[in-house]
């Protein structure tokens, strides 16, 4: 068993395992970063939509006379 540690191929196997591990770690971290970015953009978009809805709701004239004003749509 100890003789395998001093085998000429051992350093190549170790280097290959290290390269595979670093590549896997790099891909995993890039994927997590991309997911966070997409979630952040979705959250910003949702907040923007909510703010726009609140602003448009606040702009409605809800006084008794304002509710009877014509909105330009014909109803039969």
Protein backbone atom coordinates (compact mmCIF):
# COMPACT_ATOMS: atom_id res chain seq x y z
CA UNK A 1 0.00 0.00 0.00
CA UNK A 2 2.78 2.43 0.88
CA UNK A 3 4.52 1.55 -2.35
CA UNK A 4 1.59 3.16 -4.24
CA UNK A 5 2.44 6.52 -2.66
CA UNK A 6 5.86 6.47 -4.30
CA UNK A 7 4.72 5.14 -7.66
CA UNK A 8 5.66 7.38 -10.63
CA UNK A 9 2.02 7.77 -11.68
CA UNK A 10 0.80 8.90 -8.27
CA UNK A 11 1.63 12.57 -8.81
CA UNK A 12 -0.29 12.59 -12.11
CA UNK A 13 -3.32 11.00 -10.51
CA UNK A 14 -3.22 13.53 -7.67
CA UNK A 15 -2.85 16.45 -10.10
CA UNK A 16 -5.75 15.14 -12.20
CA UNK A 17 -7.96 14.79 -9.11
CA UNK A 18 -7.00 18.31 -8.02
CA UNK A 19 -7.81 19.72 -11.47
CA UNK A 20 -11.18 17.98 -11.52
CA UNK A 21 -11.96 19.24 -8.02
CA UNK A 22 -11.04 22.84 -8.83
CA UNK A 23 -13.03 22.75 -12.07
CA UNK A 24 -16.07 21.37 -10.29
CA UNK A 25 -15.78 24.01 -7.56
CA UNK A 26 -15.45 26.79 -10.16
CA UNK A 27 -18.50 25.64 -12.11
CA UNK A 28 -20.53 25.30 -8.92
CA UNK A 29 -19.62 28.78 -7.69
CA UNK A 30 -20.37 30.35 -11.09
CA UNK A 31 -23.74 28.61 -11.16
CA UNK A 32 -24.62 29.88 -7.68
CA UNK A 33 -23.61 33.41 -8.66
CA UNK A 34 -25.75 33.25 -11.81
CA UNK A 35 -28.77 32.02 -9.83
CA UNK A 36 -28.36 34.86 -7.32
CA UNK A 37 -28.16 37.39 -10.15
CA UNK A 38 -31.32 36.08 -11.82
CA UNK A 39 -33.20 36.05 -8.49
CA UNK A 40 -32.05 39.61 -7.79
CA UNK A 41 -33.25 40.82 -11.19
CA UNK A 42 -36.62 39.10 -10.67
CA UNK A 43 -37.00 40.69 -7.25
CA UNK A 44 -36.15 44.14 -8.61
CA UNK A 45 -38.67 43.69 -11.42
CA UNK A 46 -41.39 42.55 -9.00
CA UNK A 47 -40.76 45.53 -6.72
CA UNK A 48 -40.85 47.89 -9.69
CA UNK A 49 -44.22 46.46 -10.75
CA UNK A 50 -45.63 46.77 -7.25
CA UNK A 51 -44.44 50.39 -7.00
CA UNK A 52 -46.04 51.19 -10.36
CA UNK A 53 -49.30 49.58 -9.25
CA UNK A 54 -49.31 51.56 -6.01
CA UNK A 55 -48.57 54.80 -7.85
CA UNK A 56 -51.35 54.22 -10.39
CA UNK A 57 -53.76 53.29 -7.58
CA UNK A 58 -52.89 56.45 -5.67
CA UNK A 59 -53.57 58.55 -8.77
CA UNK A 60 -57.23 57.47 -8.93
CA UNK A 61 -59.74 60.11 -7.91
CA UNK A 62 -61.90 58.32 -5.33
CA UNK A 63 -63.97 61.31 -4.29
CA UNK A 64 -67.75 60.85 -4.76
CA UNK A 65 -67.73 63.14 -7.79
CA UNK A 66 -64.59 61.56 -9.17
CA UNK A 67 -66.14 58.10 -9.16
CA UNK A 68 -68.95 59.30 -11.42
CA UNK A 69 -66.64 60.84 -14.03
CA UNK A 70 -66.55 59.19 -17.41
CA UNK A 71 -63.44 57.17 -18.08
CA UNK A 72 -63.94 57.33 -21.84
CA UNK A 73 -65.31 53.81 -22.27
CA UNK A 74 -68.82 53.36 -23.57
CA UNK A 75 -71.00 50.98 -21.61
CA UNK A 76 -74.49 49.92 -22.63
